[in-house]
Amino acid sequence: MTHPWLLCIHNIPPKPAYLRAKVAKRLAALGAVALKNAVYALPDTAQHREDLGWLVREIEDGGGKAFVVEAAFVAGMEDAQVRALFQQAREQDYTALLAQARGVEQELETLEPDAAARALAELCRQVAEVRTVDFFNAPGGDVLEGLVGAMKARLQARDERAVLAAGEVARSLETFQGKLWITRAGVHVDRIASAWLIRRFIDPDAAFAFVETTTHSPASGEVTFDMQQADFSHEGERCTFETFIHRLGLHDDALARLGEMVHDIDLREARYGHAETPGLAAALAGVALRHAGDQDRLQAGGVVLDAFYEAFRLGTHGNCHACRTRS
C-alpha cells in the first residue's frame, strides 16, 4: 500500500515565543498546507522526509514535540481535496505576485535599464521560489510566467534598441569628425559651450574658424553652428548647445544639466534656476573680458566648462531638471 502523504504533527510550548513563528515560517517555505491546527501535509518524497526530519529536531530542541507520519486518506478527506488545498495556497501566492508583476510592468519603460533589470530579476526569483513548492501546478503559475516572459521580451527589445541607438549616435558623431567648424566671431556663452561640446564629445581635434557675418555658406568639410541657417543653431526653445545634445542623442545627465544652465544664461531666462548658473555666467563673462581672441576664449572657456561638467558627472551637485522628472 502506498502512502502519498507525509504529515507533520507538532506540539509547541508557548515559550520560547519565537519557536512557533519559526516553525510556521519553515513549514511555509517547504510548501506545507495545514489540515488542522498543528497538522501539516506534504507530498511524500525523499526530500520532504529529510526536511521534516530536521524540522522535528528543531522543534524538540526548542522544548516541543513533533512527529512525521506516512498517511493515506481512507475517509473524511480524499487525495483530490488535499491536492486542492495545495493549489489554493499556491494560487494565493501567484495572485500576490501577479499584482506585484503588474506594478513592475507599468514601470518597466520608465525605469533606468539597471533598475528595470533588477526589478525583473527579483520578481523572477520570487516566482521561482513559489514554483518550487507548487507541487500540483496551480493555474495562476502559467498566467504569471506568461506575463514575466512578456516583460523579459520587452526589456530585451528595449536593450536591443538602446544598443542600436548607441550605434547610430556613434556613427552620427563619426560623420562630424575631421571637419572645420564655422561660427560668428566674438564668441560668448552659447558658442563657447558649443565648441567645448564639439571637442569633448565629437572630435577632440576639432578646428574652428570665425566669420564676421551672421550667415555662411559652408564649403566641403565645413560645419556651421550658432548662425542664421546654420547646420546647428537655435531650434524652437533650444539654444545651440541644447540642439547639439538633442540632435546627436547625447544622453548624459551632467551634460543635460549644463545645457539647462547655458539655456538660462544665453536666453536670459530662469526656467531651470540651477544654483550654479550665476557662477557659470560670471566665469564665462570673465573669460570674454580677459581674452579678446576667439580661439583663446574657447580654450579658457573649455577649462571652465570641464570643471563644471566633472563636478556634475561625479555627483557633487544636484540633478538636472530632466533627470528629476525622469526619477
Protein backbone atom coordinates (compact mmCIF):
# COMPACT_ATOMS: atom_id res chain seq x y z
CA MET A 1 0.00 0.00 0.00
CA THR A 2 1.33 3.42 -0.92
CA HIS A 3 1.20 6.39 1.40
CA PRO A 4 1.18 9.53 -0.79
CA TRP A 5 1.39 11.99 2.07
CA LEU A 6 3.62 12.94 4.94
CA LEU A 7 2.01 14.57 7.96
CA CYS A 8 3.96 16.70 10.42
CA ILE A 9 2.16 16.83 13.76
CA HIS A 10 3.63 19.12 16.39
CA ASN A 11 3.01 20.46 19.88
CA ILE A 12 4.93 23.67 20.52
CA PRO A 13 5.15 25.23 24.01
CA PRO A 14 4.26 28.93 24.46
CA LYS A 15 7.89 29.68 25.31
CA PRO A 16 10.22 30.46 23.71
CA ALA A 17 7.83 32.73 21.79
CA TYR A 18 9.90 32.78 18.61
CA LEU A 19 9.72 28.99 18.11
CA ARG A 20 6.11 28.90 16.87
CA ALA A 21 6.78 31.67 14.33
CA LYS A 22 10.00 29.97 13.23
CA VAL A 23 8.26 26.64 12.67
CA ALA A 24 5.38 28.28 10.78
CA LYS A 25 7.86 30.08 8.52
CA ARG A 26 9.80 26.88 7.89
CA LEU A 27 6.65 24.92 7.00
CA ALA A 28 5.52 27.70 4.66
CA ALA A 29 8.92 27.65 2.94
CA LEU A 30 8.55 23.90 2.42
CA GLY A 31 5.12 24.46 0.85
CA ALA A 32 3.23 22.52 3.52
CA VAL A 33 -0.50 23.09 4.00
CA ALA A 34 -2.41 22.90 7.27
CA LEU A 35 -5.07 20.19 7.53
CA LYS A 36 -5.97 21.35 11.03
CA ASN A 37 -4.17 23.06 13.90
CA ALA A 38 -0.63 21.67 14.23
CA VAL A 39 -1.14 19.10 11.43
CA TYR A 40 0.62 19.86 8.16
CA ALA A 41 0.78 17.84 4.95
CA LEU A 42 3.40 17.46 2.24
CA PRO A 43 3.70 15.04 -0.67
CA ASP A 44 5.76 12.01 0.33
CA THR A 45 9.19 12.49 -1.24
CA ALA A 46 12.69 11.70 -0.03
CA GLN A 47 13.49 15.41 0.17
CA HIS A 48 10.41 16.16 2.25
CA ARG A 49 11.21 13.31 4.62
CA GLU A 50 14.64 14.81 5.17
CA ASP A 51 13.32 18.38 5.54
CA LEU A 52 10.65 17.38 8.04
CA GLY A 53 13.14 15.28 9.96
CA TRP A 54 15.31 18.34 10.50
CA LEU A 55 12.25 20.37 11.49
CA VAL A 56 11.27 17.77 14.11
CA ARG A 57 14.73 18.08 15.61
CA GLU A 58 14.44 21.89 15.76
CA ILE A 59 11.05 21.67 17.46
CA GLU A 60 12.30 19.19 20.03
CA ASP A 61 15.46 21.24 20.66
CA GLY A 62 13.12 24.14 21.44
CA GLY A 63 11.21 22.09 24.01
CA GLY A 64 8.33 20.92 21.82
CA LYS A 65 7.19 17.59 20.44
CA ALA A 66 6.77 16.63 16.79
CA PHE A 67 6.13 13.54 14.67
CA VAL A 68 6.28 12.79 10.96
CA VAL A 69 3.98 10.02 9.73
CA GLU A 70 3.15 8.40 6.42
CA ALA A 71 -0.51 8.91 5.61
CA ALA A 72 -3.19 7.74 3.21
CA PHE A 73 -6.71 9.12 3.49
CA VAL A 74 -9.43 6.50 3.60
CA ALA A 75 -12.37 8.53 4.92
CA GLY A 76 -13.32 12.12 5.66
CA MET A 77 -10.96 13.56 3.04
CA GLU A 78 -9.83 12.47 -0.40
CA ASP A 79 -6.48 12.94 -2.10
CA ALA A 80 -8.11 15.31 -4.60
CA GLN A 81 -9.20 17.55 -1.74
CA VAL A 82 -5.68 17.62 -0.31
CA ARG A 83 -4.26 18.49 -3.73
CA ALA A 84 -6.84 21.28 -3.97
CA LEU A 85 -5.55 22.73 -0.69
CA PHE A 86 -2.04 22.91 -2.15
CA GLN A 87 -3.34 24.52 -5.33
CA GLN A 88 -5.34 27.10 -3.35
CA ALA A 89 -2.29 28.02 -1.28
CA ARG A 90 -0.12 28.47 -4.36
CA GLU A 91 -2.89 30.36 -6.15
CA GLN A 92 -2.83 32.90 -3.31
CA ASP A 93 0.93 33.24 -3.76
CA TYR A 94 0.55 33.70 -7.52
CA THR A 95 -2.20 36.29 -7.08
CA ALA A 96 0.04 38.39 -4.84
CA LEU A 97 2.95 38.05 -7.26
CA LEU A 98 0.72 38.89 -10.23
CA ALA A 99 -0.22 42.20 -8.59
CA GLN A 100 3.46 42.89 -8.00
CA ALA A 101 4.27 41.95 -11.59
CA ARG A 102 1.62 44.35 -12.90
CA GLY A 103 3.30 47.14 -10.95
CA VAL A 104 6.69 46.28 -12.41
CA GLU A 105 5.14 46.08 -15.88
CA GLN A 106 3.75 49.62 -15.57
CA GLU A 107 7.16 50.99 -14.56
CA LEU A 108 9.26 48.93 -16.95
CA GLU A 109 9.61 51.58 -19.66
CA THR A 110 10.30 54.44 -17.25
CA LEU A 111 12.85 52.70 -15.04
CA GLU A 112 16.53 53.05 -15.86
CA PRO A 113 17.85 49.86 -17.56
CA ASP A 114 19.73 48.62 -14.49
CA ALA A 115 16.78 49.29 -12.18
CA ALA A 116 14.38 47.56 -14.58
CA ALA A 117 16.66 44.53 -14.80
CA ARG A 118 16.94 44.36 -11.01
CA ALA A 119 13.17 44.63 -10.53
CA LEU A 120 12.51 41.90 -13.06
CA ALA A 121 15.24 39.66 -11.63
CA GLU A 122 13.76 39.99 -8.13
CA LEU A 123 10.32 39.15 -9.49
CA CYS A 124 11.71 36.09 -11.29
CA ARG A 125 13.41 34.97 -8.08
CA GLN A 126 10.12 35.13 -6.18
CA VAL A 127 8.25 33.30 -8.94
CA ALA A 128 10.89 30.56 -8.93
CA GLU A 129 10.51 30.18 -5.15
CA VAL A 130 6.77 29.61 -5.45
CA ARG A 131 7.21 27.29 -8.44
CA THR A 132 9.49 25.12 -6.29
CA VAL A 133 6.63 24.38 -3.87
CA ASP A 134 3.85 24.30 -6.48
CA PHE A 135 3.54 20.53 -6.39
CA PHE A 136 0.27 20.33 -8.32
CA ASN A 137 0.57 23.09 -10.91
CA ALA A 138 -1.83 25.78 -9.76
CA PRO A 139 -3.28 27.58 -12.84
CA GLY A 140 -2.00 31.01 -11.79
CA GLY A 141 1.59 29.92 -12.30
CA ASP A 142 1.22 29.72 -16.08
CA VAL A 143 -0.50 33.12 -16.19
CA LEU A 144 2.26 34.69 -14.12
CA GLU A 145 5.07 33.12 -16.14
CA GLY A 146 3.41 34.30 -19.34
CA LEU A 147 3.43 37.87 -18.05
CA VAL A 148 7.01 37.60 -16.82
CA GLY A 149 8.08 36.16 -20.17
CA ALA A 150 6.45 39.07 -22.00
CA MET A 151 8.20 41.53 -19.69
CA LYS A 152 11.55 39.85 -20.34
CA ALA A 153 10.93 40.16 -24.07
CA ARG A 154 10.08 43.86 -23.71
CA LEU A 155 13.18 44.52 -21.66
CA GLN A 156 15.35 42.65 -24.14
CA ALA A 157 13.82 44.60 -27.01
CA ARG A 158 14.48 47.86 -25.17
CA ASP A 159 18.09 46.84 -24.56
CA GLU A 160 18.47 46.00 -28.24
CA ARG A 161 17.01 49.37 -29.20
CA ALA A 162 19.45 51.09 -26.84
CA VAL A 163 22.37 49.24 -28.41
CA LEU A 164 21.18 50.20 -31.88
CA ALA A 165 20.64 53.80 -30.79
CA ALA A 166 24.12 53.95 -29.29
CA GLY A 167 25.48 52.65 -32.57
CA GLU A 168 23.54 55.28 -34.50
CA VAL A 169 24.88 58.03 -32.22
CA ALA A 170 28.43 56.77 -32.68
CA ARG A 171 28.02 56.69 -36.46
CA SER A 172 26.42 60.14 -36.36
CA LEU A 173 29.35 61.54 -34.38
CA GLU A 174 31.84 59.98 -36.78
CA THR A 175 30.35 61.92 -39.69
CA PHE A 176 31.31 65.19 -37.96
CA GLN A 177 34.91 64.31 -37.22
CA GLY A 178 37.72 65.99 -39.14
CA LYS A 179 35.52 68.97 -40.02
CA LEU A 180 36.17 72.70 -39.81
CA TRP A 181 33.58 74.29 -37.55
CA ILE A 182 32.44 77.79 -38.52
CA THR A 183 30.66 80.28 -36.27
CA ARG A 184 30.31 84.01 -35.72
CA ALA A 185 33.23 85.95 -34.33
CA GLY A 186 33.08 87.38 -30.81
CA VAL A 187 32.10 84.08 -29.20
CA HIS A 188 30.29 84.15 -25.91
CA VAL A 189 28.26 81.70 -23.80
CA ASP A 190 26.40 79.53 -26.34
CA ARG A 191 29.23 79.40 -28.87
CA ILE A 192 31.91 78.79 -26.23
CA ALA A 193 29.83 75.99 -24.72
CA SER A 194 29.03 74.50 -28.14
CA ALA A 195 32.70 74.48 -29.12
CA TRP A 196 33.54 72.78 -25.82
CA LEU A 197 30.87 70.12 -26.52
CA ILE A 198 32.27 69.54 -30.00
CA ARG A 199 35.79 68.93 -28.68
CA ARG A 200 34.63 66.92 -25.67
CA PHE A 201 32.07 64.64 -27.34
CA ILE A 202 32.52 64.79 -31.11
CA ASP A 203 36.10 65.49 -32.17
CA PRO A 204 38.88 66.31 -29.67
CA ASP A 205 40.95 67.70 -32.55
CA ALA A 206 38.19 69.87 -33.99
CA ALA A 207 39.31 73.11 -35.67
CA PHE A 208 37.31 76.33 -35.51
CA ALA A 209 37.10 79.40 -37.73
CA PHE A 210 35.21 82.64 -37.12
CA VAL A 211 33.43 84.93 -39.56
CA GLU A 212 32.14 88.46 -39.15
CA THR A 213 28.85 87.75 -40.92
CA THR A 214 25.70 86.21 -39.46
CA THR A 215 25.43 83.66 -42.27
CA HIS A 216 27.96 81.47 -44.02
CA SER A 217 27.67 79.07 -46.94
CA PRO A 218 29.80 76.11 -45.84
CA ALA A 219 32.31 74.65 -48.24
CA SER A 220 33.02 70.92 -48.33
CA GLY A 221 34.29 69.76 -44.94
CA GLU A 222 32.82 72.75 -43.07
CA VAL A 223 30.01 72.70 -40.48
CA THR A 224 28.33 75.88 -39.26
CA PHE A 225 26.84 76.49 -35.82
CA ASP A 226 25.07 79.27 -33.91
CA MET A 227 24.43 81.32 -37.04
CA GLN A 228 21.46 82.00 -39.24
CA GLN A 229 20.69 78.98 -41.44
CA ALA A 230 23.48 77.03 -39.71
CA ASP A 231 23.80 73.26 -39.50
CA PHE A 232 23.36 73.56 -35.73
CA SER A 233 21.65 76.57 -34.19
CA HIS A 234 18.66 77.54 -32.07
CA GLU A 235 15.71 75.22 -32.68
CA GLY A 236 12.37 76.03 -31.10
CA GLU A 237 13.08 76.84 -27.46
CA ARG A 238 16.53 75.24 -27.55
CA CYS A 239 19.77 77.18 -27.61
CA THR A 240 22.52 75.86 -29.91
CA PHE A 241 24.20 73.89 -27.11
CA GLU A 242 20.89 72.10 -26.40
CA THR A 243 20.40 71.48 -30.12
CA PHE A 244 23.72 69.61 -30.24
CA ILE A 245 22.67 67.47 -27.27
CA HIS A 246 19.25 66.71 -28.77
CA ARG A 247 20.25 66.12 -32.38
CA LEU A 248 23.25 63.93 -31.57
CA GLY A 249 21.48 61.89 -28.89
CA LEU A 250 23.98 62.73 -26.16
CA HIS A 251 22.16 61.24 -23.17
CA ASP A 252 24.31 62.36 -20.24
CA ASP A 253 22.85 63.76 -17.01
CA ALA A 254 25.80 66.08 -16.34
CA LEU A 255 25.68 67.39 -19.91
CA ALA A 256 21.91 67.89 -19.67
CA ARG A 257 22.39 69.98 -16.53
CA LEU A 258 24.99 72.14 -18.28
CA GLY A 259 22.58 72.52 -21.19
CA GLU A 260 19.90 73.88 -18.87
CA MET A 261 22.36 76.37 -17.38
CA VAL A 262 23.58 77.53 -20.80
CA HIS A 263 19.94 77.87 -21.87
CA ASP A 264 19.12 80.19 -18.96
CA ILE A 265 22.26 82.30 -19.49
CA ASP A 266 22.02 82.56 -23.27
CA LEU A 267 18.28 83.20 -23.42
CA ARG A 268 18.25 85.33 -20.24
CA GLU A 269 15.68 83.09 -18.59
CA ALA A 270 15.30 81.47 -15.20
CA ARG A 271 13.46 78.41 -16.44
CA TYR A 272 15.68 75.89 -14.66
CA GLY A 273 17.09 78.10 -11.92
CA HIS A 274 20.13 75.99 -11.01
CA ALA A 275 22.12 77.43 -8.12
CA GLU A 276 25.35 77.17 -10.14
CA THR A 277 24.05 79.14 -13.14
CA PRO A 278 25.15 82.61 -11.91
CA GLY A 279 28.62 81.22 -11.22
CA LEU A 280 28.93 79.81 -14.73
CA ALA A 281 27.62 83.06 -16.22
CA ALA A 282 30.18 85.09 -14.26
CA ALA A 283 33.02 82.75 -15.19
CA LEU A 284 32.25 82.86 -18.92
CA ALA A 285 31.78 86.63 -18.80
CA GLY A 286 35.22 86.84 -17.19
CA VAL A 287 36.67 84.69 -19.96
CA ALA A 288 35.26 87.07 -22.59
CA LEU A 289 36.60 90.13 -20.74
CA ARG A 290 40.06 88.64 -20.25
CA HIS A 291 40.53 87.26 -23.77
CA ALA A 292 39.91 89.25 -26.92
CA GLY A 293 40.72 86.42 -29.33
CA ASP A 294 38.07 83.82 -30.07
CA GLN A 295 40.48 80.88 -30.00
CA ASP A 296 41.69 82.00 -26.57
CA ARG A 297 38.11 82.30 -25.37
CA LEU A 298 37.38 78.75 -26.49
CA GLN A 299 40.47 77.49 -24.71
CA ALA A 300 39.78 79.30 -21.42
CA GLY A 301 36.04 78.67 -21.55
CA GLY A 302 36.71 74.99 -22.13
CA VAL A 303 38.62 74.81 -18.85
CA VAL A 304 35.67 76.36 -17.02
CA LEU A 305 33.16 74.00 -18.62
CA ASP A 306 35.36 70.97 -17.95
CA ALA A 307 35.33 71.85 -14.26
CA PHE A 308 31.55 72.26 -14.08
CA TYR A 309 30.96 69.10 -16.11
CA GLU A 310 33.23 66.99 -13.90
CA ALA A 311 31.55 68.30 -10.75
CA PHE A 312 28.15 67.28 -12.10
CA ARG A 313 29.39 63.98 -13.54
CA LEU A 314 30.92 62.92 -10.24
CA GLY A 315 27.72 63.78 -8.43
CA THR A 316 28.93 66.62 -6.24
CA HIS A 317 25.91 68.74 -7.21
CA GLY A 318 22.21 68.12 -7.83
CA ASN A 319 20.50 66.62 -10.85
CA CYS A 320 19.22 68.33 -13.94
CA HIS A 321 15.53 69.19 -14.32
CA ALA A 322 15.04 66.48 -16.95
CA CYS A 323 16.69 63.91 -14.67
CA ARG A 324 14.45 64.86 -11.75
CA THR A 325 11.35 64.46 -13.87
CA ARG A 326 12.54 61.03 -15.01
CA SER A 327 13.07 59.78 -11.46
